[in-house]
């Protein structure tokens, strides 16, 4: 008697292996792209010293802003277009090319041959090219995953991908501090070996699994959107600089023309999109409630998140760390370290919320995350300038947890609400909202902060200098300097008092004790802490308002059901269910 043959053990299908390969590669891609969006933010002091830029020259604020905003602007402008190219010519093809462009630009960024303004322009130009590659990666990564994963795992995969993108943004703050402490070029070197490896791996392993569509590029839509958004952000750059005796340049006719022209072009863009046969943005998608309100909520959260990171860095580098005995040259490193709870909170909550969104639905998780996000702003608003670190750490950890609760469910609901053939465009539109919010947030929060400083800083600065023996006329001249210079100095971790007093010779005429007090770690931070707190209250109140508006938008997205794409149906109306083991 022989034993009956045993059934062979089930084997993992090639499709099952492929989806994990796609997840690993696209997760690395969006992580790198997002990392470079924030790594420069905290490394700016080292970069300015490295290319020998004067941090107190008002004209140099444009370099600072465009090193940050230029990357986000390009991604906001291009990400929908390259998503459309992915739908037309193959998502993997565009994605793979993006990895190569991103890596090539990273190499050239790390070998800046110039100094001063020319060195800054080299960095800004290659950051733009790097952002082109990053747009090609981020626009198509979500669509590749949506094609590769079955619907019951799609929320998890998109959640991991979205968590990686935002984790890159948070980790970039820490990495920028660590790497810039070694060498400012290292913030660009870090991409090169990773980029080379994943570029080669992507070309070898990724394949097209989705349907390609025909169509053409909407050139007029692309031009009006790109020029319109660029004009608005250029206007913001000039609006932050003094003009005609005013602390900011919002009364500058050139700024008014740029804003009016930019808004007119964006309005023309909407008209064009309604009339063209192959629009850059599928306005019909906004008829889907989950898509519309999910993107509105994401826009509000991205504005609040980008501005909060910017303000926290100024707070730590320019005031809190010097008051606690840290040298200005070391503040980028320690600012990154002290912001670790923000990153840890996000990394803890993000994957869990992505997993739960497939089972519990997206609306409750995303709405709760937005409410918690706003509550953390209110808590930060109540902190004194010289806070106790324990309370601060808890509040930024809560903020990170809230971001993680919101991001994955919101992304999954947006992508799950659109048909398969439009996932590339939908992914690009989602990324456009997020990148536009981050780019705009810098200008918005910088403007609010300057408005808060302008009412108190001139008198405070003049009185503080006069009390230390500086002649009244010199103290008044320094006090009349635009607040943007002081805020710029705080952002770059620079004590400006020596720089401001040496040209007049006033510093040399003071006693050694007075000189030491004026140029030490504590005088400037103590001096601006009161006016700075006025700005903080305005900024955090605005951030909380955005978060609560995002919560309302999230509630309006629709019923609290798991975000799933409708299953395909056969000719007889019956649902056709693909084999879960082999579906990719």
Protein backbone atom coordinates (compact mmCIF):
# COMPACT_ATOMS: atom_id res chain seq x y z
CA UNK A 1 0.00 0.00 0.00
CA UNK A 2 1.45 3.25 -1.04
CA UNK A 3 0.90 6.64 0.48
CA UNK A 4 -1.34 8.93 -1.46
CA UNK A 5 0.59 11.70 -3.15
CA UNK A 6 0.69 14.91 -1.15
CA UNK A 7 -0.47 18.14 -2.67
CA UNK A 8 2.44 20.39 -3.57
CA UNK A 9 3.02 23.35 -1.29
CA UNK A 10 1.70 26.60 -2.74
CA UNK A 11 4.38 28.75 -4.28
CA UNK A 12 4.55 32.49 -4.35
CA UNK A 13 3.72 33.76 -7.80
CA UNK A 14 6.05 36.04 -9.76
CA UNK A 15 3.39 38.75 -9.47
CA UNK A 16 3.47 38.47 -5.70
CA UNK A 17 7.24 38.95 -5.70
CA UNK A 18 7.02 41.82 -8.14
CA UNK A 19 4.70 43.92 -6.02
CA UNK A 20 7.19 43.91 -3.13
CA UNK A 21 10.01 44.82 -5.51
CA UNK A 22 7.91 47.74 -6.78
CA UNK A 23 7.12 48.84 -3.22
CA UNK A 24 10.78 48.74 -2.14
CA UNK A 25 12.05 50.68 -5.14
CA UNK A 26 9.33 53.33 -5.21
CA UNK A 27 9.57 53.80 -1.44
CA UNK A 28 13.30 54.52 -1.77
CA UNK A 29 12.56 56.94 -4.62
CA UNK A 30 9.94 59.04 -2.87
CA UNK A 31 12.02 59.00 0.32
CA UNK A 32 15.04 60.43 -1.53
CA UNK A 33 12.95 63.03 -3.35
CA UNK A 34 11.28 64.23 -0.15
CA UNK A 35 14.56 64.14 1.80
CA UNK A 36 16.06 66.63 -0.63
CA UNK A 37 13.06 68.88 -0.22
CA UNK A 38 13.92 69.48 3.45
CA UNK A 39 17.58 68.57 3.93
CA UNK A 40 18.68 71.98 2.63
CA UNK A 41 16.32 73.79 5.01
CA UNK A 42 18.38 72.99 8.09
CA UNK A 43 21.76 72.90 6.29
CA UNK A 44 21.47 76.49 4.99
CA UNK A 45 23.89 77.97 7.58
CA UNK A 46 26.65 75.59 6.46
CA UNK A 47 25.81 76.16 2.77
CA UNK A 48 25.95 79.97 3.14
CA UNK A 49 29.30 79.70 4.92
CA UNK A 50 30.54 77.22 2.32
CA UNK A 51 29.82 79.46 -0.67
CA UNK A 52 30.77 82.62 1.29
CA UNK A 53 27.45 84.45 1.20
CA UNK A 54 26.82 87.32 3.62
CA UNK A 55 23.77 86.20 5.64
CA UNK A 56 22.89 89.78 6.64
CA UNK A 57 22.73 91.25 3.15
CA UNK A 58 19.02 91.84 2.44
CA UNK A 59 19.46 90.88 -1.21
CA UNK A 60 20.69 87.42 -0.25
CA UNK A 61 17.32 86.48 1.20
CA UNK A 62 16.26 85.63 -2.37
CA UNK A 63 18.97 82.95 -2.51
CA UNK A 64 17.75 81.48 0.78
CA UNK A 65 14.13 81.38 -0.32
CA UNK A 66 14.82 79.92 -3.76
CA UNK A 67 17.07 77.20 -2.44
CA UNK A 68 14.01 76.08 -0.49
CA UNK A 69 11.07 77.11 -2.69
CA UNK A 70 12.61 76.39 -6.10
CA UNK A 71 12.62 72.64 -5.53
CA UNK A 72 8.98 72.62 -4.43
CA UNK A 73 7.90 74.98 -7.21
CA UNK A 74 9.31 72.73 -9.93
CA UNK A 75 7.69 69.67 -8.40
CA UNK A 76 4.35 71.46 -8.10
CA UNK A 77 4.51 72.58 -11.74
CA UNK A 78 5.79 69.37 -13.36
CA UNK A 79 4.40 66.53 -11.33
CA UNK A 80 1.02 66.42 -13.11
CA UNK A 81 2.63 66.62 -16.54
CA UNK A 82 5.05 63.77 -15.92
CA UNK A 83 2.19 61.78 -14.40
CA UNK A 84 0.35 62.31 -17.69
CA UNK A 85 3.46 61.24 -19.61
CA UNK A 86 3.49 58.09 -17.51
CA UNK A 87 -0.11 57.34 -18.46
CA UNK A 88 0.72 57.92 -22.14
CA UNK A 89 4.13 56.29 -22.59
CA UNK A 90 4.55 54.02 -19.59
CA UNK A 91 4.82 54.82 -15.90
CA UNK A 92 7.92 52.70 -15.37
CA UNK A 93 9.71 54.29 -18.32
CA UNK A 94 9.19 57.82 -16.99
CA UNK A 95 9.94 56.69 -13.43
CA UNK A 96 13.26 55.07 -14.42
CA UNK A 97 14.34 58.17 -16.34
CA UNK A 98 13.52 60.26 -13.29
CA UNK A 99 15.88 58.22 -11.12
CA UNK A 100 18.71 58.83 -13.58
CA UNK A 101 18.05 62.60 -13.79
CA UNK A 102 17.80 62.92 -10.00
CA UNK A 103 21.10 61.11 -9.43
CA UNK A 104 22.95 63.06 -12.14
CA UNK A 105 21.83 66.39 -10.64
CA UNK A 106 22.91 65.24 -7.16
CA UNK A 107 26.43 64.62 -8.46
CA UNK A 108 26.70 68.13 -9.92
CA UNK A 109 25.23 69.76 -6.81
CA UNK A 110 28.01 68.28 -4.72
CA UNK A 111 30.70 69.88 -6.94
CA UNK A 112 29.77 73.56 -6.86
CA UNK A 113 32.83 75.33 -8.38
CA UNK A 114 31.79 78.91 -7.54
CA UNK A 115 31.56 81.26 -4.55
CA UNK A 116 29.13 83.96 -3.52
CA UNK A 117 26.06 84.65 -5.63
CA UNK A 118 27.37 82.54 -8.53
CA UNK A 119 27.79 79.58 -6.18
CA UNK A 120 24.23 80.05 -4.93
CA UNK A 121 22.89 80.24 -8.49
CA UNK A 122 24.72 77.00 -9.39
CA UNK A 123 23.01 75.27 -6.46
CA UNK A 124 19.59 76.70 -7.29
CA UNK A 125 19.88 75.71 -10.97
CA UNK A 126 20.87 72.12 -10.27
CA UNK A 127 18.25 71.89 -7.53
CA UNK A 128 15.74 72.71 -10.25
CA UNK A 129 17.08 69.86 -12.42
CA UNK A 130 17.05 67.56 -9.39
CA UNK A 131 13.41 68.52 -8.80
CA UNK A 132 12.58 67.53 -12.39
CA UNK A 133 13.87 64.03 -11.65
CA UNK A 134 12.08 63.99 -8.30
CA UNK A 135 8.82 64.93 -10.04
CA UNK A 136 9.18 62.00 -12.44
CA UNK A 137 9.63 59.69 -9.46
CA UNK A 138 6.85 60.94 -7.20
CA UNK A 139 4.25 61.37 -9.94
CA UNK A 140 4.49 57.76 -11.06
CA UNK A 141 5.36 55.86 -7.88
CA UNK A 142 1.80 55.78 -6.52
CA UNK A 143 0.43 54.76 -9.92
CA UNK A 144 2.99 51.95 -10.22
CA UNK A 145 1.97 50.65 -6.80
CA UNK A 146 -1.74 50.94 -7.56
CA UNK A 147 -1.16 48.83 -10.68
CA UNK A 148 1.03 46.29 -8.86
CA UNK A 149 -1.04 45.63 -5.72
CA UNK A 150 -4.49 44.02 -5.42
CA UNK A 151 -7.17 46.27 -4.05
CA UNK A 152 -7.22 44.68 -0.59
CA UNK A 153 -3.53 45.59 -0.10
CA UNK A 154 -3.48 48.86 -1.99
CA UNK A 155 -4.11 51.08 1.02
CA UNK A 156 -1.23 49.46 2.87
CA UNK A 157 1.17 49.89 -0.07
CA UNK A 158 0.18 53.50 -0.76
CA UNK A 159 0.35 54.21 2.96
CA UNK A 160 3.92 52.91 3.16
CA UNK A 161 4.84 54.97 0.11
CA UNK A 162 3.25 58.13 1.49
CA UNK A 163 4.83 57.54 4.89
CA UNK A 164 8.22 57.23 3.16
CA UNK A 165 7.67 60.53 1.36
CA UNK A 166 6.80 62.43 4.52
CA UNK A 167 9.40 60.54 6.54
CA UNK A 168 11.99 61.79 4.06
CA UNK A 169 10.78 65.33 4.74
CA UNK A 170 11.14 64.85 8.51
CA UNK A 171 14.38 62.84 8.42
CA UNK A 172 15.88 65.44 6.09
CA UNK A 173 15.82 67.88 8.99
CA UNK A 174 17.98 65.54 11.09
CA UNK A 175 20.19 64.42 8.21
CA UNK A 176 20.82 68.03 7.15
CA UNK A 177 22.10 68.90 10.61
CA UNK A 178 24.30 65.82 10.89
CA UNK A 179 25.81 66.01 7.40
CA UNK A 180 26.36 69.77 7.37
CA UNK A 181 28.36 69.43 10.60
CA UNK A 182 30.83 67.36 8.57
CA UNK A 183 30.76 69.17 5.20
CA UNK A 184 28.03 71.20 3.53
CA UNK A 185 28.54 69.25 0.28
CA UNK A 186 27.67 66.04 2.11
CA UNK A 187 23.97 66.97 2.06
CA UNK A 188 24.17 66.31 -1.70
CA UNK A 189 26.73 63.48 -1.64
CA UNK A 190 24.34 61.29 0.34
CA UNK A 191 22.08 60.85 -2.71
CA UNK A 192 24.75 59.66 -5.10
CA UNK A 193 25.46 56.03 -4.05
CA UNK A 194 21.81 55.41 -3.17
CA UNK A 195 20.67 56.94 -6.46
CA UNK A 196 23.09 54.91 -8.57
CA UNK A 197 22.08 51.62 -6.93
CA UNK A 198 18.31 52.15 -7.17
CA UNK A 199 18.55 53.54 -10.71
CA UNK A 200 20.22 50.34 -11.91
CA UNK A 201 17.83 48.18 -9.88
CA UNK A 202 14.78 49.98 -11.27
CA UNK A 203 15.93 49.47 -14.86
CA UNK A 204 16.53 45.75 -14.19
CA UNK A 205 13.39 44.83 -12.24
CA UNK A 206 10.42 47.16 -12.82
CA UNK A 207 8.01 46.45 -15.66
CA UNK A 208 4.82 47.94 -17.02
CA UNK A 209 1.74 46.35 -15.46
CA UNK A 210 -0.85 49.04 -16.15
CA UNK A 211 -2.60 50.12 -19.31
CA UNK A 212 -1.14 52.86 -21.45
CA UNK A 213 -3.43 55.51 -22.85
CA UNK A 214 -3.09 57.71 -25.88
CA UNK A 215 -3.43 61.45 -25.88
CA UNK A 216 -1.13 64.43 -25.99
CA UNK A 217 0.43 67.01 -23.70
CA UNK A 218 -1.63 70.08 -22.86
CA UNK A 219 1.06 72.65 -23.63
CA UNK A 220 -1.07 75.77 -23.04
CA UNK A 221 -2.26 74.41 -19.75
CA UNK A 222 1.29 73.59 -18.69
CA UNK A 223 2.60 77.03 -19.67
CA UNK A 224 -0.14 79.03 -17.95
CA UNK A 225 0.08 76.96 -14.78
CA UNK A 226 3.90 77.05 -14.61
CA UNK A 227 4.25 80.76 -15.35
CA UNK A 228 1.30 81.71 -13.13
CA UNK A 229 2.50 79.80 -10.07
CA UNK A 230 6.09 80.97 -10.64
CA UNK A 231 4.98 84.60 -10.83
CA UNK A 232 3.13 84.33 -7.52
CA UNK A 233 6.13 82.78 -5.76
CA UNK A 234 8.55 85.33 -7.26
CA UNK A 235 6.22 88.05 -5.96
CA UNK A 236 6.40 86.46 -2.51
CA UNK A 237 10.21 86.63 -2.66
CA UNK A 238 10.16 90.37 -3.40
CA UNK A 239 7.29 90.95 -0.99
CA UNK A 240 9.43 89.76 1.92
CA UNK A 241 12.13 92.36 1.22
CA UNK A 242 11.92 96.01 2.38
CA UNK A 243 10.54 98.60 -0.03
CA UNK A 244 10.08 102.37 0.22
CA UNK A 245 10.50 102.62 3.98
CA UNK A 246 8.20 99.68 4.66
CA UNK A 247 9.33 96.54 6.46
CA UNK A 248 8.08 94.39 3.57
CA UNK A 249 7.58 94.92 -0.13
CA UNK A 250 3.88 94.20 -0.52
CA UNK A 251 3.35 97.85 -1.59
CA UNK A 252 5.92 97.44 -4.39
CA UNK A 253 4.09 97.90 -7.75
CA UNK A 254 6.26 95.15 -9.25
CA UNK A 255 4.97 92.72 -6.61
CA UNK A 256 1.39 93.74 -7.32
CA UNK A 257 1.87 93.21 -11.06
CA UNK A 258 3.41 89.79 -10.53
CA UNK A 259 0.61 88.65 -8.21
CA UNK A 260 -2.14 89.99 -10.47
CA UNK A 261 -0.51 88.50 -13.57
CA UNK A 262 0.10 85.16 -11.86
CA UNK A 263 -3.49 84.89 -10.64
CA UNK A 264 -4.79 85.87 -14.09
CA UNK A 265 -2.72 83.12 -15.69
CA UNK A 266 -3.96 80.58 -13.14
CA UNK A 267 -7.54 81.65 -13.94
CA UNK A 268 -6.77 81.27 -17.65
CA UNK A 269 -5.40 77.82 -16.85
CA UNK A 270 -8.77 76.76 -15.43
CA UNK A 271 -10.56 78.04 -18.54
CA UNK A 272 -8.12 76.20 -20.81
CA UNK A 273 -8.53 72.96 -18.87
CA UNK A 274 -12.31 73.13 -19.35
CA UNK A 275 -11.97 73.47 -23.12
CA UNK A 276 -9.03 71.29 -24.16
CA UNK A 277 -9.50 67.70 -25.27
CA UNK A 278 -6.48 66.41 -23.30
CA UNK A 279 -6.22 68.62 -20.19
CA UNK A 280 -3.19 68.70 -17.92
CA UNK A 281 -5.52 68.39 -14.92
CA UNK A 282 -8.66 66.32 -15.21
CA UNK A 283 -11.14 68.76 -13.73
CA UNK A 284 -13.80 66.06 -13.98
CA UNK A 285 -12.05 64.29 -11.11
CA UNK A 286 -13.17 67.10 -8.83
CA UNK A 287 -16.73 65.85 -9.26
CA UNK A 288 -15.65 62.97 -7.01
CA UNK A 289 -16.19 64.16 -3.47
CA UNK A 290 -13.47 61.99 -1.91
CA UNK A 291 -10.94 63.27 -4.45
CA UNK A 292 -11.84 66.96 -4.04
CA UNK A 293 -12.05 67.19 -0.27
CA UNK A 294 -9.11 64.84 0.22
CA UNK A 295 -6.90 67.14 -1.85
CA UNK A 296 -8.20 70.28 -0.11
CA UNK A 297 -7.46 68.74 3.27
CA UNK A 298 -4.00 67.68 2.08
CA UNK A 299 -3.27 71.21 0.81
CA UNK A 300 -4.15 72.79 4.15
CA UNK A 301 -2.07 70.27 6.11
CA UNK A 302 0.94 70.68 3.79
CA UNK A 303 0.89 74.48 4.21
CA UNK A 304 0.77 74.09 7.98
CA UNK A 305 3.44 71.39 8.07
CA UNK A 306 5.93 73.21 5.83
CA UNK A 307 5.57 76.49 7.68
CA UNK A 308 5.81 74.82 11.10
CA UNK A 309 9.13 73.16 10.24
CA UNK A 310 10.50 76.48 9.04
CA UNK A 311 9.44 78.32 12.20
CA UNK A 312 10.70 75.59 14.55
CA UNK A 313 14.14 75.70 12.94
CA UNK A 314 14.33 79.49 13.40
CA UNK A 315 13.15 79.13 17.00
CA UNK A 316 15.75 76.49 17.84
CA UNK A 317 18.74 77.78 15.84
CA UNK A 318 18.29 81.48 16.42
CA UNK A 319 17.03 81.65 20.02
CA UNK A 320 16.61 78.51 22.13
CA UNK A 321 19.92 76.75 21.45
CA UNK A 322 22.13 79.87 21.92
CA UNK A 323 20.28 80.64 25.17
CA UNK A 324 21.17 77.14 26.34
CA UNK A 325 24.88 77.53 25.65
CA UNK A 326 25.24 76.09 22.13
CA UNK A 327 27.64 77.78 19.71
CA UNK A 328 26.01 79.24 16.61
CA UNK A 329 28.13 76.99 14.39
CA UNK A 330 26.69 73.90 16.09
CA UNK A 331 23.03 74.91 16.04
CA UNK A 332 22.05 73.12 12.76
CA UNK A 333 23.27 69.79 14.13
CA UNK A 334 21.50 70.18 17.47
CA UNK A 335 18.34 71.61 15.94
CA UNK A 336 18.06 68.41 13.90
CA UNK A 337 18.66 66.26 16.98
CA UNK A 338 16.13 68.12 19.13
CA UNK A 339 13.50 67.71 16.40
CA UNK A 340 13.81 63.91 16.46
CA UNK A 341 10.51 63.44 18.39
CA UNK A 342 8.70 64.97 15.41
CA UNK A 343 10.17 62.34 13.08
CA UNK A 344 9.68 59.51 15.57
CA UNK A 345 6.00 60.38 16.06
CA UNK A 346 5.39 60.34 12.33
CA UNK A 347 7.25 57.07 11.75
CA UNK A 348 5.31 55.41 14.57
CA UNK A 349 1.85 56.49 13.38
CA UNK A 350 2.20 56.47 9.59
CA UNK A 351 2.41 52.72 8.83
CA UNK A 352 -0.21 51.85 11.43
CA UNK A 353 -2.71 54.34 9.99
CA UNK A 354 -2.11 52.99 6.48
CA UNK A 355 -2.88 49.47 7.70
CA UNK A 356 -6.00 50.57 9.59
CA UNK A 357 -7.37 52.64 6.71
CA UNK A 358 -7.94 49.45 4.69
CA UNK A 359 -10.12 48.08 7.49
CA UNK A 360 -11.71 51.06 9.20
CA UNK A 361 -11.92 53.56 6.37
CA UNK A 362 -10.05 56.78 5.80
CA UNK A 363 -12.39 59.51 7.02
CA UNK A 364 -12.19 58.94 10.77
CA UNK A 365 -8.41 58.48 10.84
CA UNK A 366 -7.65 61.45 8.59
CA UNK A 367 -10.09 63.74 10.38
CA UNK A 368 -8.76 62.76 13.80
CA UNK A 369 -5.21 63.35 12.57
CA UNK A 370 -6.10 66.84 11.32
CA UNK A 371 -7.75 67.76 14.64
CA UNK A 372 -4.73 66.49 16.60
CA UNK A 373 -2.46 68.41 14.22
CA UNK A 374 -4.30 71.64 15.06
CA UNK A 375 -4.22 70.89 18.79
CA UNK A 376 -0.43 70.57 18.67
CA UNK A 377 -0.22 74.06 17.13
CA UNK A 378 -2.30 75.46 19.97
CA UNK A 379 0.02 73.77 22.48
CA UNK A 380 3.12 75.25 20.78
CA UNK A 381 1.48 78.67 20.80
CA UNK A 382 1.19 78.53 24.60
CA UNK A 383 4.89 77.68 25.17
CA UNK A 384 7.24 80.41 26.41
CA UNK A 385 10.20 81.26 24.19
CA UNK A 386 12.67 79.67 26.61
CA UNK A 387 10.61 76.48 27.01
CA UNK A 388 11.32 73.31 28.91
CA UNK A 389 12.39 70.74 26.35
CA UNK A 390 10.21 67.90 27.72
CA UNK A 391 6.96 69.71 26.94
CA UNK A 392 8.27 70.82 23.56
CA UNK A 393 9.28 67.24 22.69
CA UNK A 394 5.83 65.92 23.58
CA UNK A 395 4.10 68.57 21.46
CA UNK A 396 6.19 67.99 18.34
CA UNK A 397 5.84 64.21 18.81
CA UNK A 398 2.05 64.70 18.88
CA UNK A 399 2.37 66.77 15.72
CA UNK A 400 4.31 63.96 14.04
CA UNK A 401 1.73 61.36 15.15
CA UNK A 402 -1.04 63.58 13.79
CA UNK A 403 0.73 63.89 10.43
CA UNK A 404 1.10 60.12 10.28
CA UNK A 405 -2.58 59.57 11.15
CA UNK A 406 -3.63 61.92 8.35
CA UNK A 407 -1.23 61.17 5.50
CA UNK A 408 -1.75 57.50 4.64
CA UNK A 409 -5.56 57.35 4.87
CA UNK A 410 -5.92 60.60 2.95
CA UNK A 411 -3.61 59.42 0.16
CA UNK A 412 -5.31 56.03 -0.05
CA UNK A 413 -8.77 57.61 -0.27
CA UNK A 414 -7.69 60.00 -3.04
CA UNK A 415 -6.06 57.30 -5.16
CA UNK A 416 -8.87 54.81 -4.53
CA UNK A 417 -11.50 57.25 -5.81
CA UNK A 418 -10.26 57.46 -9.42
CA UNK A 419 -10.42 55.01 -12.35
CA UNK A 420 -7.32 52.97 -13.18
CA UNK A 421 -6.48 54.80 -16.42
CA UNK A 422 -6.23 58.15 -14.59
CA UNK A 423 -4.15 57.06 -11.62
CA UNK A 424 -0.98 58.67 -12.97
CA UNK A 425 -2.71 62.04 -13.39
CA UNK A 426 -4.45 61.67 -10.03
CA UNK A 427 -1.15 60.90 -8.31
CA UNK A 428 0.37 63.96 -9.94
CA UNK A 429 -2.53 66.17 -8.92
CA UNK A 430 -2.27 64.97 -5.32
CA UNK A 431 1.46 65.69 -5.31
CA UNK A 432 0.84 69.12 -6.88
CA UNK A 433 -1.45 70.11 -4.03
CA UNK A 434 1.11 68.91 -1.49
CA UNK A 435 4.14 70.55 -3.14
CA UNK A 436 2.30 73.80 -3.85
CA UNK A 437 1.28 73.99 -0.21
CA UNK A 438 4.84 73.43 0.98
CA UNK A 439 6.26 76.01 -1.45
CA UNK A 440 3.68 78.65 -0.54
CA UNK A 441 4.00 77.94 3.19
CA UNK A 442 7.52 79.36 3.41
CA UNK A 443 6.44 82.72 2.05
CA UNK A 444 3.20 82.81 4.04
CA UNK A 445 4.77 81.93 7.38
CA UNK A 446 7.80 84.17 6.78
CA UNK A 447 5.43 87.09 6.06
CA UNK A 448 3.38 86.43 9.19
CA UNK A 449 6.53 86.19 11.29
CA UNK A 450 7.90 89.49 9.93
CA UNK A 451 4.54 91.16 10.57
CA UNK A 452 4.73 90.00 14.18
CA UNK A 453 8.31 91.24 14.56
CA UNK A 454 7.77 94.62 12.89
CA UNK A 455 5.63 96.13 15.63
CA UNK A 456 8.09 95.54 18.50
CA UNK A 457 11.57 94.72 17.18
CA UNK A 458 12.82 98.21 16.17
CA UNK A 459 12.13 99.73 19.61
CA UNK A 460 13.40 96.63 21.45
CA UNK A 461 16.62 96.50 19.43
CA UNK A 462 17.32 100.23 19.81
CA UNK A 463 16.66 100.23 23.57
CA UNK A 464 18.73 97.10 24.18
CA UNK A 465 21.77 98.46 22.34
CA UNK A 466 21.52 101.84 24.06
CA UNK A 467 21.43 100.16 27.49
CA UNK A 468 24.76 98.48 26.67
CA UNK A 469 26.44 101.80 25.90
CA UNK A 470 25.94 102.03 22.16
CA UNK A 471 25.44 105.70 21.14
CA UNK A 472 21.79 106.60 20.65
CA UNK A 473 22.24 107.55 16.98
CA UNK A 474 23.99 104.26 16.09
CA UNK A 475 21.46 102.25 18.13
CA UNK A 476 18.60 103.96 16.27
CA UNK A 477 20.21 103.22 12.88
CA UNK A 478 20.57 99.53 13.76
CA UNK A 479 17.03 99.43 15.16
CA UNK A 480 15.66 100.84 11.91
CA UNK A 481 17.05 97.92 9.91
CA UNK A 482 14.26 95.78 8.38
CA UNK A 483 13.08 92.91 10.61
CA UNK A 484 13.73 90.50 7.77
CA UNK A 485 17.48 90.89 8.41
CA UNK A 486 17.11 89.78 12.03
CA UNK A 487 14.84 86.90 11.04
CA UNK A 488 17.28 85.93 8.30
CA UNK A 489 20.12 85.93 10.84
CA UNK A 490 18.10 83.76 13.23
CA UNK A 491 17.28 81.30 10.44
CA UNK A 492 20.98 80.94 9.64
CA UNK A 493 22.09 80.77 13.27
CA UNK A 494 24.11 83.98 13.09
CA UNK A 495 24.65 86.62 15.80
CA UNK A 496 24.42 89.88 13.79
CA UNK A 497 25.41 92.39 16.48
CA UNK A 498 29.15 92.43 15.71
CA UNK A 499 28.44 92.67 11.98
CA UNK A 500 26.06 95.61 12.48
CA UNK A 501 28.19 97.63 14.92
CA UNK A 502 31.75 97.21 13.57
CA UNK A 503 31.35 99.44 10.45
CA UNK A 504 30.45 102.47 12.61
CA UNK A 505 33.33 101.85 15.04
CA UNK A 506 30.83 101.90 17.94
CA UNK A 507 31.79 98.42 19.11
CA UNK A 508 35.49 99.31 19.50
CA UNK A 509 34.64 102.25 21.76
CA UNK A 510 32.79 100.11 24.29
CA UNK A 511 34.31 98.46 27.36
CA UNK A 512 35.47 94.82 27.06
CA UNK A 513 32.56 93.75 29.26
CA UNK A 514 30.05 95.52 27.02
CA UNK A 515 31.64 94.06 23.89
CA UNK A 516 31.48 90.58 25.35
CA UNK A 517 27.84 91.02 26.35
CA UNK A 518 26.80 92.31 22.91
CA UNK A 519 28.62 89.64 20.90
CA UNK A 520 27.97 86.70 23.23
CA UNK A 521 25.43 83.94 22.79
CA UNK A 522 22.60 85.40 24.86
CA UNK A 523 22.24 89.11 24.02
CA UNK A 524 20.70 88.82 20.54
CA UNK A 525 18.43 85.83 21.35
CA UNK A 526 17.17 87.56 24.51
CA UNK A 527 16.65 90.78 22.56
CA UNK A 528 14.48 89.29 19.83
CA UNK A 529 12.67 86.70 21.96
CA UNK A 530 9.80 89.04 22.91
CA UNK A 531 9.06 90.28 19.38
CA UNK A 532 9.65 86.76 18.05
CA UNK A 533 7.01 85.38 20.40
CA UNK A 534 4.50 87.87 18.97
CA UNK A 535 5.20 86.44 15.55
CA UNK A 536 4.94 82.87 16.85
CA UNK A 537 1.45 83.46 18.22
CA UNK A 538 0.28 84.70 14.81
CA UNK A 539 1.97 81.85 12.95
CA UNK A 540 0.73 79.02 15.18
CA UNK A 541 -2.81 80.43 15.30
CA UNK A 542 -2.82 80.43 11.50
CA UNK A 543 -1.48 76.86 11.44
CA UNK A 544 -4.18 75.68 13.85
CA UNK A 545 -6.86 77.33 11.70
CA UNK A 546 -5.55 75.51 8.61
CA UNK A 547 -5.58 72.19 10.47
CA UNK A 548 -9.18 72.58 11.63
CA UNK A 549 -10.24 73.56 8.10
CA UNK A 550 -8.52 70.37 6.91
CA UNK A 551 -10.52 68.38 9.46
CA UNK A 552 -13.77 69.86 8.11
CA UNK A 553 -12.75 69.04 4.53
CA UNK A 554 -11.87 65.50 5.60
CA UNK A 555 -15.30 65.03 7.19
CA UNK A 556 -16.92 66.11 3.93
CA UNK A 557 -15.10 63.48 1.85
CA UNK A 558 -17.96 60.96 2.17
CA UNK A 559 -19.01 57.87 4.10
CA UNK A 560 -16.49 56.31 6.47
CA UNK A 561 -15.85 53.19 4.40
CA UNK A 562 -12.57 51.61 3.36
CA UNK A 563 -11.18 53.35 0.29
CA UNK A 564 -11.49 50.78 -2.48
CA UNK A 565 -11.59 51.06 -6.24
CA UNK A 566 -14.80 49.55 -7.66
CA UNK A 567 -14.21 46.03 -8.88
CA UNK A 568 -14.41 45.41 -12.64
CA UNK A 569 -17.57 43.73 -13.88
CA UNK A 570 -18.13 41.34 -16.72
CA UNK A 571 -20.67 41.63 -19.51
CA UNK A 572 -23.31 39.92 -17.38
CA UNK A 573 -22.83 42.45 -14.57
CA UNK A 574 -21.12 39.96 -12.26
CA UNK A 575 -18.04 41.06 -10.38
CA UNK A 576 -14.85 39.61 -11.79
CA UNK A 577 -12.47 38.88 -8.95
CA UNK A 578 -8.82 38.30 -9.88
CA UNK A 579 -6.93 35.53 -8.16
CA UNK A 580 -5.54 37.14 -4.99
CA UNK A 581 -2.39 35.02 -5.18
CA UNK A 582 -1.39 36.15 -8.64
CA UNK A 583 -2.94 39.59 -8.92
CA UNK A 584 -0.31 42.26 -9.33
